[in-house]
N, C-alpha and C. Protein backbone atom coordinates (compact mmCIF):
# COMPACT_ATOMS: atom_id res chain seq x y z
N UNK A 1 -19.89 215.99 -31.87
CA UNK A 1 -18.66 216.69 -31.58
C UNK A 1 -17.63 216.38 -32.66
N UNK A 2 -17.50 215.12 -33.05
CA UNK A 2 -16.51 214.75 -34.05
C UNK A 2 -16.78 215.44 -35.37
N UNK A 3 -18.05 215.53 -35.78
CA UNK A 3 -18.39 216.20 -37.04
C UNK A 3 -18.01 217.68 -36.98
N UNK A 4 -18.19 218.30 -35.85
CA UNK A 4 -17.82 219.71 -35.68
C UNK A 4 -16.31 219.89 -35.82
N UNK A 5 -15.56 218.99 -35.22
CA UNK A 5 -14.10 219.06 -35.33
C UNK A 5 -13.61 218.83 -36.75
N UNK A 6 -14.23 217.89 -37.44
CA UNK A 6 -13.85 217.62 -38.83
C UNK A 6 -14.18 218.82 -39.71
N UNK A 7 -15.31 219.48 -39.44
CA UNK A 7 -15.67 220.66 -40.21
C UNK A 7 -14.72 221.82 -39.93
N UNK A 8 -14.29 221.95 -38.68
CA UNK A 8 -13.40 223.05 -38.31
C UNK A 8 -11.96 222.79 -38.75
N UNK A 9 -11.54 221.54 -38.68
CA UNK A 9 -10.17 221.17 -39.04
C UNK A 9 -10.21 220.04 -40.08
N UNK A 10 -10.59 220.37 -41.32
CA UNK A 10 -10.74 219.33 -42.34
C UNK A 10 -9.37 218.84 -42.83
N UNK A 11 -9.39 217.75 -43.61
CA UNK A 11 -8.13 217.27 -44.20
C UNK A 11 -7.54 218.33 -45.12
N UNK A 12 -6.25 218.23 -45.37
CA UNK A 12 -5.59 219.21 -46.23
C UNK A 12 -6.27 219.28 -47.58
N UNK A 13 -6.32 220.49 -48.12
CA UNK A 13 -6.95 220.72 -49.41
C UNK A 13 -8.42 221.07 -49.33
N UNK A 14 -8.99 221.04 -48.13
CA UNK A 14 -10.40 221.37 -47.93
C UNK A 14 -10.47 222.61 -47.04
N UNK A 15 -11.39 223.50 -47.36
CA UNK A 15 -11.54 224.72 -46.57
C UNK A 15 -12.27 224.42 -45.26
N UNK A 16 -11.83 225.09 -44.20
CA UNK A 16 -12.48 224.94 -42.90
C UNK A 16 -13.81 225.67 -42.90
N UNK A 17 -14.75 225.13 -42.17
CA UNK A 17 -16.07 225.75 -42.02
C UNK A 17 -15.94 226.89 -41.01
N UNK A 18 -16.18 228.14 -41.41
CA UNK A 18 -16.01 229.26 -40.47
C UNK A 18 -16.98 229.22 -39.29
N UNK A 19 -18.16 228.65 -39.50
CA UNK A 19 -19.12 228.55 -38.40
C UNK A 19 -18.62 227.55 -37.36
N UNK A 20 -18.09 226.43 -37.81
CA UNK A 20 -17.55 225.43 -36.88
C UNK A 20 -16.37 226.01 -36.10
N UNK A 21 -15.50 226.75 -36.78
CA UNK A 21 -14.38 227.39 -36.09
C UNK A 21 -14.86 228.39 -35.05
N UNK A 22 -15.90 229.16 -35.40
CA UNK A 22 -16.44 230.15 -34.46
C UNK A 22 -17.06 229.47 -33.24
N UNK A 23 -17.75 228.35 -33.46
CA UNK A 23 -18.36 227.61 -32.35
C UNK A 23 -17.28 227.08 -31.41
N UNK A 24 -16.21 226.53 -31.99
CA UNK A 24 -15.14 226.01 -31.15
C UNK A 24 -14.42 227.13 -30.39
N UNK A 25 -14.22 228.26 -31.03
CA UNK A 25 -13.57 229.39 -30.35
C UNK A 25 -14.45 229.90 -29.20
N UNK A 26 -15.74 229.97 -29.44
CA UNK A 26 -16.65 230.42 -28.38
C UNK A 26 -16.68 229.41 -27.23
N UNK A 27 -16.65 228.13 -27.57
CA UNK A 27 -16.61 227.08 -26.54
C UNK A 27 -15.34 227.19 -25.72
N UNK A 28 -14.22 227.44 -26.38
CA UNK A 28 -12.95 227.61 -25.67
C UNK A 28 -13.01 228.79 -24.72
N UNK A 29 -13.66 229.87 -25.16
CA UNK A 29 -13.78 231.04 -24.30
C UNK A 29 -14.65 230.75 -23.08
N UNK A 30 -15.77 230.07 -23.28
CA UNK A 30 -16.64 229.74 -22.15
C UNK A 30 -15.93 228.79 -21.18
N UNK A 31 -15.24 227.80 -21.71
CA UNK A 31 -14.52 226.87 -20.84
C UNK A 31 -13.41 227.61 -20.09
N UNK A 32 -12.69 228.48 -20.79
CA UNK A 32 -11.65 229.26 -20.13
C UNK A 32 -12.21 230.17 -19.05
N UNK A 33 -13.36 230.79 -19.31
CA UNK A 33 -13.99 231.65 -18.31
C UNK A 33 -14.41 230.84 -17.09
N UNK A 34 -14.94 229.66 -17.31
CA UNK A 34 -15.30 228.79 -16.19
C UNK A 34 -14.09 228.36 -15.39
N UNK A 35 -13.01 228.02 -16.08
CA UNK A 35 -11.79 227.62 -15.39
C UNK A 35 -11.20 228.80 -14.62
N UNK A 36 -11.37 230.01 -15.14
CA UNK A 36 -10.83 231.18 -14.43
C UNK A 36 -11.51 231.36 -13.08
N UNK A 37 -12.80 231.04 -13.00
CA UNK A 37 -13.49 231.10 -11.71
C UNK A 37 -12.87 230.10 -10.73
N UNK A 38 -12.59 228.90 -11.20
CA UNK A 38 -11.95 227.90 -10.35
C UNK A 38 -10.55 228.35 -9.93
N UNK A 39 -9.83 228.95 -10.86
CA UNK A 39 -8.48 229.45 -10.57
C UNK A 39 -8.54 230.53 -9.50
N UNK A 40 -9.47 231.46 -9.65
CA UNK A 40 -9.60 232.55 -8.67
C UNK A 40 -10.02 232.06 -7.30
N UNK A 41 -10.93 231.09 -7.25
CA UNK A 41 -11.46 230.61 -5.98
C UNK A 41 -10.52 229.67 -5.24
N UNK A 42 -9.94 228.72 -5.98
CA UNK A 42 -9.18 227.64 -5.33
C UNK A 42 -7.67 227.74 -5.53
N UNK A 43 -7.23 228.55 -6.46
CA UNK A 43 -5.81 228.74 -6.77
C UNK A 43 -5.07 227.41 -6.91
N UNK A 44 -5.55 226.54 -7.82
CA UNK A 44 -4.89 225.24 -7.99
C UNK A 44 -3.54 225.41 -8.69
N UNK A 45 -2.69 224.41 -8.53
CA UNK A 45 -1.42 224.41 -9.24
C UNK A 45 -1.59 223.83 -10.64
N UNK A 46 -2.58 222.95 -10.78
CA UNK A 46 -2.74 222.25 -12.06
C UNK A 46 -4.21 221.92 -12.29
N UNK A 47 -4.64 222.10 -13.54
CA UNK A 47 -5.98 221.71 -13.96
C UNK A 47 -5.80 220.76 -15.14
N UNK A 48 -6.48 219.62 -15.06
CA UNK A 48 -6.43 218.63 -16.15
C UNK A 48 -7.78 218.56 -16.83
N UNK A 49 -7.76 218.65 -18.15
CA UNK A 49 -8.97 218.49 -18.95
C UNK A 49 -8.89 217.09 -19.55
N UNK A 50 -9.89 216.28 -19.26
CA UNK A 50 -9.81 214.89 -19.71
C UNK A 50 -11.14 214.35 -20.16
N UNK A 51 -11.24 213.04 -20.13
CA UNK A 51 -12.44 212.37 -20.58
C UNK A 51 -12.57 212.41 -22.09
N UNK A 52 -13.73 212.03 -22.60
CA UNK A 52 -13.91 211.95 -24.04
C UNK A 52 -13.80 213.32 -24.70
N UNK A 53 -14.29 214.37 -24.03
CA UNK A 53 -14.23 215.70 -24.62
C UNK A 53 -12.78 216.18 -24.72
N UNK A 54 -12.00 215.95 -23.68
CA UNK A 54 -10.59 216.33 -23.72
C UNK A 54 -9.83 215.60 -24.80
N UNK A 55 -10.15 214.32 -24.99
CA UNK A 55 -9.49 213.55 -26.03
C UNK A 55 -9.88 214.04 -27.42
N UNK A 56 -11.16 214.38 -27.59
CA UNK A 56 -11.64 214.85 -28.89
C UNK A 56 -11.05 216.21 -29.24
N UNK A 57 -11.06 217.12 -28.28
CA UNK A 57 -10.61 218.48 -28.55
C UNK A 57 -9.09 218.58 -28.60
N UNK A 58 -8.46 217.85 -27.72
CA UNK A 58 -7.02 217.69 -27.77
C UNK A 58 -6.19 218.96 -27.80
N UNK A 59 -5.05 218.84 -28.42
CA UNK A 59 -4.06 219.90 -28.39
C UNK A 59 -4.44 221.11 -29.23
N UNK A 60 -5.33 220.96 -30.20
CA UNK A 60 -5.75 222.12 -31.01
C UNK A 60 -6.55 223.12 -30.18
N UNK A 61 -7.31 222.62 -29.26
CA UNK A 61 -8.25 223.42 -28.46
C UNK A 61 -7.59 224.01 -27.22
N UNK A 62 -6.59 223.33 -26.69
CA UNK A 62 -6.00 223.68 -25.41
C UNK A 62 -5.37 225.07 -25.36
N UNK A 63 -4.62 225.52 -26.37
CA UNK A 63 -4.05 226.87 -26.29
C UNK A 63 -5.11 227.97 -26.14
N UNK A 64 -6.22 227.83 -26.83
CA UNK A 64 -7.28 228.83 -26.71
C UNK A 64 -7.90 228.80 -25.32
N UNK A 65 -8.11 227.62 -24.75
CA UNK A 65 -8.66 227.51 -23.40
C UNK A 65 -7.69 228.14 -22.40
N UNK A 66 -6.40 227.84 -22.53
CA UNK A 66 -5.40 228.44 -21.63
C UNK A 66 -5.43 229.96 -21.72
N UNK A 67 -5.47 230.47 -22.96
CA UNK A 67 -5.47 231.91 -23.17
C UNK A 67 -6.66 232.57 -22.46
N UNK A 68 -7.85 232.03 -22.68
CA UNK A 68 -9.04 232.64 -22.09
C UNK A 68 -9.06 232.47 -20.56
N UNK A 69 -8.60 231.33 -20.07
CA UNK A 69 -8.58 231.12 -18.61
C UNK A 69 -7.67 232.13 -17.94
N UNK A 70 -6.49 232.35 -18.49
CA UNK A 70 -5.57 233.30 -17.87
C UNK A 70 -6.00 234.75 -18.10
N UNK A 71 -6.70 235.01 -19.20
CA UNK A 71 -7.18 236.37 -19.46
C UNK A 71 -8.28 236.77 -18.49
N UNK A 72 -9.13 235.83 -18.11
CA UNK A 72 -10.24 236.13 -17.20
C UNK A 72 -9.86 235.99 -15.73
N UNK A 73 -8.80 235.26 -15.42
CA UNK A 73 -8.42 235.02 -14.02
C UNK A 73 -7.59 236.18 -13.49
N UNK A 74 -7.51 236.24 -12.18
CA UNK A 74 -6.63 237.21 -11.54
C UNK A 74 -5.18 236.86 -11.87
N UNK A 75 -4.35 237.88 -11.98
CA UNK A 75 -2.99 237.70 -12.48
C UNK A 75 -2.16 236.73 -11.63
N UNK A 76 -2.18 236.88 -10.32
CA UNK A 76 -1.34 236.04 -9.46
C UNK A 76 -1.70 234.55 -9.54
N UNK A 77 -2.97 234.18 -9.31
CA UNK A 77 -3.27 232.74 -9.41
C UNK A 77 -3.13 232.21 -10.83
N UNK A 78 -3.41 233.05 -11.84
CA UNK A 78 -3.29 232.59 -13.22
C UNK A 78 -1.84 232.30 -13.59
N UNK A 79 -0.92 233.02 -12.99
CA UNK A 79 0.49 232.80 -13.28
C UNK A 79 1.05 231.55 -12.64
N UNK A 80 0.31 230.97 -11.70
CA UNK A 80 0.81 229.79 -10.97
C UNK A 80 0.16 228.48 -11.40
N UNK A 81 -0.83 228.53 -12.28
CA UNK A 81 -1.55 227.32 -12.66
C UNK A 81 -1.11 226.84 -14.03
N UNK A 82 -1.10 225.52 -14.19
CA UNK A 82 -0.89 224.95 -15.53
C UNK A 82 -2.16 224.21 -15.92
N UNK A 83 -2.54 224.34 -17.18
CA UNK A 83 -3.74 223.68 -17.70
C UNK A 83 -3.27 222.71 -18.77
N UNK A 84 -3.52 221.43 -18.55
CA UNK A 84 -3.04 220.38 -19.44
C UNK A 84 -4.14 219.38 -19.74
N UNK A 85 -3.86 218.49 -20.68
CA UNK A 85 -4.78 217.40 -20.99
C UNK A 85 -4.48 216.22 -20.07
N UNK A 86 -5.54 215.58 -19.59
CA UNK A 86 -5.37 214.39 -18.77
C UNK A 86 -4.84 213.23 -19.61
N UNK A 87 -4.18 212.30 -18.95
CA UNK A 87 -3.56 211.18 -19.64
C UNK A 87 -4.25 209.85 -19.35
N UNK A 88 -5.37 209.87 -18.64
CA UNK A 88 -6.04 208.62 -18.26
C UNK A 88 -7.00 208.11 -19.32
N UNK A 89 -7.20 208.86 -20.39
CA UNK A 89 -8.07 208.40 -21.46
C UNK A 89 -9.54 208.60 -21.14
N UNK A 90 -10.41 207.93 -21.92
CA UNK A 90 -11.85 208.16 -21.75
C UNK A 90 -12.41 207.59 -20.45
N UNK A 91 -11.65 206.76 -19.75
CA UNK A 91 -12.13 206.16 -18.51
C UNK A 91 -11.63 206.89 -17.28
N UNK A 92 -11.26 208.15 -17.42
CA UNK A 92 -10.69 208.90 -16.31
C UNK A 92 -11.62 208.96 -15.11
N UNK A 93 -12.91 209.15 -15.33
CA UNK A 93 -13.86 209.24 -14.22
C UNK A 93 -13.94 207.91 -13.48
N UNK A 94 -13.96 206.83 -14.23
CA UNK A 94 -14.03 205.50 -13.62
C UNK A 94 -12.78 205.21 -12.82
N UNK A 95 -11.63 205.55 -13.37
CA UNK A 95 -10.37 205.32 -12.67
C UNK A 95 -10.32 206.16 -11.40
N UNK A 96 -10.75 207.42 -11.50
CA UNK A 96 -10.76 208.28 -10.32
C UNK A 96 -11.72 207.78 -9.26
N UNK A 97 -12.89 207.30 -9.67
CA UNK A 97 -13.88 206.80 -8.71
C UNK A 97 -13.40 205.53 -8.03
N UNK A 98 -12.61 204.73 -8.73
CA UNK A 98 -12.09 203.49 -8.14
C UNK A 98 -11.14 203.77 -6.98
N UNK A 99 -10.57 204.94 -6.95
CA UNK A 99 -9.63 205.30 -5.89
C UNK A 99 -10.35 205.69 -4.60
N UNK A 100 -11.61 206.11 -4.69
CA UNK A 100 -12.32 206.61 -3.51
C UNK A 100 -12.38 205.61 -2.35
N UNK A 101 -12.74 204.33 -2.57
CA UNK A 101 -12.75 203.41 -1.43
C UNK A 101 -11.36 203.22 -0.82
N UNK A 102 -10.33 203.22 -1.65
CA UNK A 102 -8.97 203.08 -1.12
C UNK A 102 -8.58 204.30 -0.30
N UNK A 103 -8.92 205.48 -0.78
CA UNK A 103 -8.60 206.70 -0.05
C UNK A 103 -9.29 206.70 1.32
N UNK A 104 -10.54 206.26 1.35
CA UNK A 104 -11.27 206.18 2.62
C UNK A 104 -10.61 205.18 3.56
N UNK A 105 -10.22 204.03 3.02
CA UNK A 105 -9.57 202.99 3.81
C UNK A 105 -8.27 203.50 4.43
N UNK A 106 -7.46 204.17 3.61
CA UNK A 106 -6.18 204.68 4.11
C UNK A 106 -6.37 205.86 5.05
N UNK A 107 -7.43 206.64 4.86
CA UNK A 107 -7.70 207.77 5.75
C UNK A 107 -8.04 207.27 7.16
N UNK A 108 -8.59 206.07 7.24
CA UNK A 108 -8.91 205.47 8.54
C UNK A 108 -7.74 204.67 9.09
N UNK A 109 -6.56 204.83 8.49
CA UNK A 109 -5.37 204.12 8.99
C UNK A 109 -5.39 202.64 8.69
N UNK A 110 -6.11 202.24 7.66
CA UNK A 110 -6.16 200.82 7.30
C UNK A 110 -7.11 200.00 8.16
N UNK A 111 -7.96 200.68 8.92
CA UNK A 111 -8.93 199.97 9.76
C UNK A 111 -10.29 199.95 9.08
N UNK A 112 -11.09 198.97 9.45
CA UNK A 112 -12.46 198.91 8.94
C UNK A 112 -13.29 200.04 9.54
N UNK A 113 -14.37 200.35 8.85
CA UNK A 113 -15.28 201.39 9.35
C UNK A 113 -15.92 200.93 10.65
N UNK A 114 -16.16 201.88 11.53
CA UNK A 114 -16.81 201.57 12.81
C UNK A 114 -18.25 201.15 12.55
N UNK A 115 -18.75 200.14 13.27
CA UNK A 115 -20.15 199.74 13.08
C UNK A 115 -21.09 200.83 13.56
N UNK A 116 -22.29 200.81 12.99
CA UNK A 116 -23.32 201.77 13.40
C UNK A 116 -23.66 201.55 14.87
N UNK A 117 -23.84 202.62 15.63
CA UNK A 117 -24.19 202.45 17.04
C UNK A 117 -25.58 201.84 17.17
N UNK A 118 -25.74 201.00 18.19
CA UNK A 118 -27.05 200.39 18.43
C UNK A 118 -27.90 201.34 19.24
N UNK A 119 -29.17 201.19 19.12
CA UNK A 119 -30.08 202.07 19.84
C UNK A 119 -30.98 202.79 18.85
N UNK A 120 -31.82 203.66 19.37
CA UNK A 120 -32.75 204.36 18.47
C UNK A 120 -31.98 205.32 17.56
N UNK A 121 -32.45 205.46 16.32
CA UNK A 121 -31.79 206.40 15.41
C UNK A 121 -32.03 207.84 15.85
N UNK A 122 -31.17 208.75 15.46
CA UNK A 122 -31.38 210.16 15.83
C UNK A 122 -32.69 210.69 15.24
N UNK A 123 -33.21 211.71 15.84
CA UNK A 123 -34.50 212.28 15.41
C UNK A 123 -34.44 212.78 13.97
N UNK A 124 -33.34 213.35 13.57
CA UNK A 124 -33.24 213.87 12.20
C UNK A 124 -33.34 212.76 11.17
N UNK A 125 -32.77 211.57 11.50
CA UNK A 125 -32.84 210.45 10.56
C UNK A 125 -34.27 209.93 10.45
N UNK A 126 -34.97 209.86 11.56
CA UNK A 126 -36.34 209.41 11.57
C UNK A 126 -37.21 210.35 10.75
N UNK A 127 -36.99 211.66 10.89
CA UNK A 127 -37.78 212.65 10.14
C UNK A 127 -37.52 212.51 8.64
N UNK A 128 -36.27 212.28 8.25
CA UNK A 128 -35.96 212.12 6.82
C UNK A 128 -36.60 210.84 6.26
N UNK A 129 -36.55 209.77 7.03
CA UNK A 129 -37.13 208.51 6.57
C UNK A 129 -38.64 208.62 6.41
N UNK A 130 -39.29 209.40 7.29
CA UNK A 130 -40.74 209.58 7.18
C UNK A 130 -41.10 210.39 5.94
N UNK A 131 -40.28 211.31 5.54
CA UNK A 131 -40.56 212.15 4.37
C UNK A 131 -40.20 211.48 3.05
N UNK A 132 -39.34 210.48 3.08
CA UNK A 132 -38.89 209.83 1.85
C UNK A 132 -40.04 209.04 1.23
N UNK A 133 -40.17 209.09 -0.10
CA UNK A 133 -41.21 208.27 -0.74
C UNK A 133 -40.88 206.79 -0.62
N UNK A 134 -41.91 205.98 -0.45
CA UNK A 134 -41.70 204.54 -0.26
C UNK A 134 -42.08 203.80 -1.48
């Protein structure tokens, strides 16, 4: 990915590789088209692009993604969404996953999970365990 970006956006005084630019533009269009589906289905207020790819592509890539996302999305939901770069860095997935146990804990009102009921397991669980490879 880094080599592609360097070829598309070389240092001053060097010509950009037209194939690399075309690949990045096509990638922006595909990403924008995918985001437009999310915009149409869920009508989010904000979409964040992050992780290593978001950091690599950065601000040069974002205007094209925004353009294609709003061009493919329905007018009303597209006018209400903002598409930005995430600020959590390359560890965004890890940071987000670390919140899951806390969210579960707070969803239960700060109480521990209920223990499993004693007695025979339900029939569906027994059937799944019998089919699972050992």
